[in-house]
């Protein structure tokens, strides 16, 4: 049994990713509080750091794991929770990350042409925050299904 730091069957890196993602989700909430308090520069730094850190985690850890464990079994095994949760998590997570990167470019830089920049930041940022938390919950469910099999049998 390969026991991680959380006492499950997960490898240590999976436990660390889970804890890091939960921390990033909390940091996004803190960033939203900073925006409400009109601390926009701190808000921008906080949200940007999370989006960029998450991009690194996705590229370095999540994509390779998905390619090895899930992708080869699509579509044949999508009826099983093990594959379905991971696939929905990956699909919605991709949308959330791309939207976060887009907001980052549209709000914090002049890279995008004027017609592609956002005008209603609050609406977009709030929607992506809700989507991010949905993806985080799906990630927790995926972790539980993959590494705490007894939890699903209860």
C-alpha atoms as a PDB file:
ATOM      1  CA  UNK A   1       0.000   0.000   0.000  1.00  0.00           C
ATOM      2  CA  UNK A   2       1.360   3.375  -1.066  1.00  0.00           C
ATOM      3  CA  UNK A   3       0.216   5.614   1.763  1.00  0.00           C
ATOM      4  CA  UNK A   4       0.264   9.362   1.256  1.00  0.00           C
ATOM      5  CA  UNK A   5       0.413  12.090   3.855  1.00  0.00           C
ATOM      6  CA  UNK A   6      -3.389  12.115   4.281  1.00  0.00           C
ATOM      7  CA  UNK A   7      -3.505   8.452   5.252  1.00  0.00           C
ATOM      8  CA  UNK A   8      -5.151   7.280   2.037  1.00  0.00           C
ATOM      9  CA  UNK A   9      -3.900   5.049  -0.754  1.00  0.00           C
ATOM     10  CA  UNK A  10      -2.855   8.141  -2.706  1.00  0.00           C
ATOM     11  CA  UNK A  11       0.743   8.829  -3.607  1.00  0.00           C
ATOM     12  CA  UNK A  12       2.254  11.798  -1.785  1.00  0.00           C
ATOM     13  CA  UNK A  13       2.148  14.021  -4.871  1.00  0.00           C
ATOM     14  CA  UNK A  14      -1.644  13.482  -5.162  1.00  0.00           C
ATOM     15  CA  UNK A  15      -2.104  14.508  -1.527  1.00  0.00           C
ATOM     16  CA  UNK A  16       0.046  17.583  -2.064  1.00  0.00           C
ATOM     17  CA  UNK A  17      -1.877  18.539  -5.207  1.00  0.00           C
ATOM     18  CA  UNK A  18      -5.190  18.158  -3.357  1.00  0.00           C
ATOM     19  CA  UNK A  19      -4.001  20.341  -0.477  1.00  0.00           C
ATOM     20  CA  UNK A  20      -2.493  22.886  -2.872  1.00  0.00           C
ATOM     21  CA  UNK A  21      -5.721  23.089  -4.901  1.00  0.00           C
ATOM     22  CA  UNK A  22      -7.784  23.603  -1.734  1.00  0.00           C
ATOM     23  CA  UNK A  23      -5.329  26.328  -0.707  1.00  0.00           C
ATOM     24  CA  UNK A  24      -5.651  27.969  -4.118  1.00  0.00           C
ATOM     25  CA  UNK A  25      -9.448  27.859  -3.845  1.00  0.00           C
ATOM     26  CA  UNK A  26      -9.251  29.599  -0.480  1.00  0.00           C
ATOM     27  CA  UNK A  27      -6.786  32.138  -1.896  1.00  0.00           C
ATOM     28  CA  UNK A  28      -9.284  32.956  -4.663  1.00  0.00           C
ATOM     29  CA  UNK A  29     -11.921  33.636  -2.005  1.00  0.00           C
ATOM     30  CA  UNK A  30      -9.473  35.887  -0.158  1.00  0.00           C
ATOM     31  CA  UNK A  31      -8.775  37.648  -3.445  1.00  0.00           C
ATOM     32  CA  UNK A  32     -12.477  38.278  -3.948  1.00  0.00           C
ATOM     33  CA  UNK A  33     -12.644  39.818  -0.470  1.00  0.00           C
ATOM     34  CA  UNK A  34      -9.713  42.067  -1.404  1.00  0.00           C
ATOM     35  CA  UNK A  35     -11.654  43.263  -4.455  1.00  0.00           C
ATOM     36  CA  UNK A  36     -14.742  44.012  -2.349  1.00  0.00           C
ATOM     37  CA  UNK A  37     -12.523  46.076  -0.063  1.00  0.00           C
ATOM     38  CA  UNK A  38     -11.230  47.924  -3.129  1.00  0.00           C
ATOM     39  CA  UNK A  39      -7.704  46.574  -2.684  1.00  0.00           C
ATOM     40  CA  UNK A  40      -7.487  45.972  -6.429  1.00  0.00           C
ATOM     41  CA  UNK A  41      -3.719  45.680  -6.754  1.00  0.00           C
ATOM     42  CA  UNK A  42      -3.546  42.979  -4.050  1.00  0.00           C
ATOM     43  CA  UNK A  43      -6.605  41.324  -5.599  1.00  0.00           C
ATOM     44  CA  UNK A  44      -4.895  41.233  -8.991  1.00  0.00           C
ATOM     45  CA  UNK A  45      -1.674  39.787  -7.562  1.00  0.00           C
ATOM     46  CA  UNK A  46      -3.514  37.146  -5.556  1.00  0.00           C
ATOM     47  CA  UNK A  47      -5.772  35.977  -8.389  1.00  0.00           C
ATOM     48  CA  UNK A  48      -2.975  36.095 -10.973  1.00  0.00           C
ATOM     49  CA  UNK A  49      -0.654  34.035  -8.790  1.00  0.00           C
ATOM     50  CA  UNK A  50      -3.337  31.385  -8.288  1.00  0.00           C
ATOM     51  CA  UNK A  51      -4.254  31.167 -11.980  1.00  0.00           C
ATOM     52  CA  UNK A  52      -0.598  30.859 -13.028  1.00  0.00           C
ATOM     53  CA  UNK A  53       0.296  28.374 -10.272  1.00  0.00           C
ATOM     54  CA  UNK A  54      -2.731  26.283 -11.191  1.00  0.00           C
ATOM     55  CA  UNK A  55      -1.690  26.315 -14.846  1.00  0.00           C
ATOM     56  CA  UNK A  56       1.654  24.831 -13.813  1.00  0.00           C
ATOM     57  CA  UNK A  57       0.004  22.132 -11.692  1.00  0.00           C
ATOM     58  CA  UNK A  58      -2.330  21.244 -14.550  1.00  0.00           C
ATOM     59  CA  UNK A  59       0.431  21.006 -17.154  1.00  0.00           C
ATOM     60  CA  UNK A  60       3.010  19.231 -14.987  1.00  0.00           C
ATOM     61  CA  UNK A  61       0.825  16.847 -12.974  1.00  0.00           C
ATOM     62  CA  UNK A  62      -2.818  16.653 -13.970  1.00  0.00           C
ATOM     63  CA  UNK A  63      -2.513  16.314 -17.753  1.00  0.00           C
ATOM     64  CA  UNK A  64       0.072  13.507 -17.566  1.00  0.00           C
ATOM     65  CA  UNK A  65      -2.018  11.658 -14.957  1.00  0.00           C
ATOM     66  CA  UNK A  66      -5.149  12.002 -17.086  1.00  0.00           C
ATOM     67  CA  UNK A  67      -3.297  10.775 -20.173  1.00  0.00           C
ATOM     68  CA  UNK A  68      -2.054   7.666 -18.374  1.00  0.00           C
ATOM     69  CA  UNK A  69      -5.038   6.714 -16.224  1.00  0.00           C
ATOM     70  CA  UNK A  70      -8.154   8.014 -17.972  1.00  0.00           C
ATOM     71  CA  UNK A  71      -7.739   9.046 -21.590  1.00  0.00           C
ATOM     72  CA  UNK A  72      -6.931   5.575 -22.976  1.00  0.00           C
ATOM     73  CA  UNK A  73     -10.205   4.251 -21.529  1.00  0.00           C
ATOM     74  CA  UNK A  74     -12.497   6.908 -23.010  1.00  0.00           C
ATOM     75  CA  UNK A  75     -15.244   6.422 -24.193  1.00  0.00           C
ATOM     76  CA  UNK A  76     -15.584   2.729 -23.263  1.00  0.00           C
ATOM     77  CA  UNK A  77     -15.473   3.223 -19.483  1.00  0.00           C
ATOM     78  CA  UNK A  78     -17.162   6.612 -19.072  1.00  0.00           C
ATOM     79  CA  UNK A  79     -20.053   4.846 -17.348  1.00  0.00           C
ATOM     80  CA  UNK A  80     -17.814   4.137 -14.356  1.00  0.00           C
ATOM     81  CA  UNK A  81     -17.405   6.825 -11.688  1.00  0.00           C
ATOM     82  CA  UNK A  82     -13.612   6.438 -11.692  1.00  0.00           C
ATOM     83  CA  UNK A  83     -13.420   7.679 -15.289  1.00  0.00           C
ATOM     84  CA  UNK A  84     -16.529   9.860 -15.424  1.00  0.00           C
ATOM     85  CA  UNK A  85     -15.537  12.057 -12.464  1.00  0.00           C
ATOM     86  CA  UNK A  86     -12.031  12.561 -13.791  1.00  0.00           C
ATOM     87  CA  UNK A  87     -13.307  13.378 -17.278  1.00  0.00           C
ATOM     88  CA  UNK A  88     -15.903  15.910 -16.111  1.00  0.00           C
ATOM     89  CA  UNK A  89     -13.321  17.415 -13.735  1.00  0.00           C
ATOM     90  CA  UNK A  90     -10.815  17.735 -16.589  1.00  0.00           C
ATOM     91  CA  UNK A  91     -13.344  19.229 -19.020  1.00  0.00           C
ATOM     92  CA  UNK A  92     -14.761  21.812 -16.620  1.00  0.00           C
ATOM     93  CA  UNK A  93     -11.307  22.459 -15.150  1.00  0.00           C
ATOM     94  CA  UNK A  94     -10.005  23.251 -18.620  1.00  0.00           C
ATOM     95  CA  UNK A  95     -12.823  25.751 -19.133  1.00  0.00           C
ATOM     96  CA  UNK A  96     -12.167  27.350 -15.727  1.00  0.00           C
ATOM     97  CA  UNK A  97      -8.418  27.617 -16.297  1.00  0.00           C
ATOM     98  CA  UNK A  98      -8.767  29.016 -19.825  1.00  0.00           C
ATOM     99  CA  UNK A  99     -11.352  31.525 -18.571  1.00  0.00           C
ATOM    100  CA  UNK A 100      -9.024  32.499 -15.712  1.00  0.00           C
ATOM    101  CA  UNK A 101      -6.129  33.004 -18.115  1.00  0.00           C
ATOM    102  CA  UNK A 102      -8.369  35.024 -20.437  1.00  0.00           C
ATOM    103  CA  UNK A 103      -9.514  37.276 -17.577  1.00  0.00           C
ATOM    104  CA  UNK A 104      -5.899  37.698 -16.534  1.00  0.00           C
ATOM    105  CA  UNK A 105      -4.947  38.811 -20.043  1.00  0.00           C
ATOM    106  CA  UNK A 106      -8.047  40.946 -20.526  1.00  0.00           C
ATOM    107  CA  UNK A 107      -7.910  42.662 -17.143  1.00  0.00           C
ATOM    108  CA  UNK A 108      -4.226  42.980 -16.378  1.00  0.00           C
ATOM    109  CA  UNK A 109      -2.554  43.546 -19.746  1.00  0.00           C
ATOM    110  CA  UNK A 110      -2.922  45.409 -23.015  1.00  0.00           C
ATOM    111  CA  UNK A 111      -1.978  42.314 -25.022  1.00  0.00           C
ATOM    112  CA  UNK A 112      -5.492  41.691 -26.328  1.00  0.00           C
ATOM    113  CA  UNK A 113      -7.030  43.999 -28.936  1.00  0.00           C
ATOM    114  CA  UNK A 114      -9.694  46.343 -27.556  1.00  0.00           C
ATOM    115  CA  UNK A 115     -12.600  44.296 -28.961  1.00  0.00           C
ATOM    116  CA  UNK A 116     -11.466  41.218 -26.968  1.00  0.00           C
ATOM    117  CA  UNK A 117     -11.096  42.964 -23.633  1.00  0.00           C
ATOM    118  CA  UNK A 118     -13.712  42.604 -20.921  1.00  0.00           C
ATOM    119  CA  UNK A 119     -15.900  45.457 -19.763  1.00  0.00           C
ATOM    120  CA  UNK A 120     -17.912  43.707 -17.023  1.00  0.00           C
ATOM    121  CA  UNK A 121     -15.105  42.214 -14.952  1.00  0.00           C
ATOM    122  CA  UNK A 122     -17.185  41.487 -11.856  1.00  0.00           C
ATOM    123  CA  UNK A 123     -19.656  39.275 -13.679  1.00  0.00           C
ATOM    124  CA  UNK A 124     -16.943  37.253 -15.419  1.00  0.00           C
ATOM    125  CA  UNK A 125     -14.782  36.946 -12.316  1.00  0.00           C
ATOM    126  CA  UNK A 126     -17.684  35.806 -10.148  1.00  0.00           C
ATOM    127  CA  UNK A 127     -18.785  33.207 -12.685  1.00  0.00           C
ATOM    128  CA  UNK A 128     -15.269  31.823 -13.011  1.00  0.00           C
ATOM    129  CA  UNK A 129     -14.892  31.728  -9.208  1.00  0.00           C
ATOM    130  CA  UNK A 130     -18.094  29.667  -8.927  1.00  0.00           C
ATOM    131  CA  UNK A 131     -16.926  27.385 -11.743  1.00  0.00           C
ATOM    132  CA  UNK A 132     -13.497  27.062 -10.083  1.00  0.00           C
ATOM    133  CA  UNK A 133     -15.136  25.889  -6.844  1.00  0.00           C
ATOM    134  CA  UNK A 134     -17.332  23.424  -8.717  1.00  0.00           C
ATOM    135  CA  UNK A 135     -14.195  22.025 -10.354  1.00  0.00           C
ATOM    136  CA  UNK A 136     -12.461  21.888  -6.967  1.00  0.00           C
ATOM    137  CA  UNK A 137     -15.360  19.845  -5.554  1.00  0.00           C
ATOM    138  CA  UNK A 138     -15.185  17.521  -8.559  1.00  0.00           C
ATOM    139  CA  UNK A 139     -11.444  17.205  -7.956  1.00  0.00           C
ATOM    140  CA  UNK A 140     -12.096  16.245  -4.333  1.00  0.00           C
ATOM    141  CA  UNK A 141     -14.662  13.686  -5.491  1.00  0.00           C
ATOM    142  CA  UNK A 142     -12.176  12.321  -8.039  1.00  0.00           C
ATOM    143  CA  UNK A 143      -9.513  12.050  -5.337  1.00  0.00           C
ATOM    144  CA  UNK A 144     -11.968  10.233  -3.063  1.00  0.00           C
ATOM    145  CA  UNK A 145     -13.024   7.816  -5.805  1.00  0.00           C
ATOM    146  CA  UNK A 146      -9.464   7.056  -6.847  1.00  0.00           C
ATOM    147  CA  UNK A 147      -7.808   6.820  -3.446  1.00  0.00           C
ATOM    148  CA  UNK A 148     -10.546   6.123  -0.881  1.00  0.00           C
ATOM    149  CA  UNK A 149     -12.444   3.272  -2.546  1.00  0.00           C
ATOM    150  CA  UNK A 150     -14.172   2.163   0.683  1.00  0.00           C
ATOM    151  CA  UNK A 151     -15.733   5.636   0.978  1.00  0.00           C
ATOM    152  CA  UNK A 152     -17.729   5.033  -2.225  1.00  0.00           C
ATOM    153  CA  UNK A 153     -18.933   1.592  -1.118  1.00  0.00           C
ATOM    154  CA  UNK A 154     -20.589   2.833   2.089  1.00  0.00           C
END
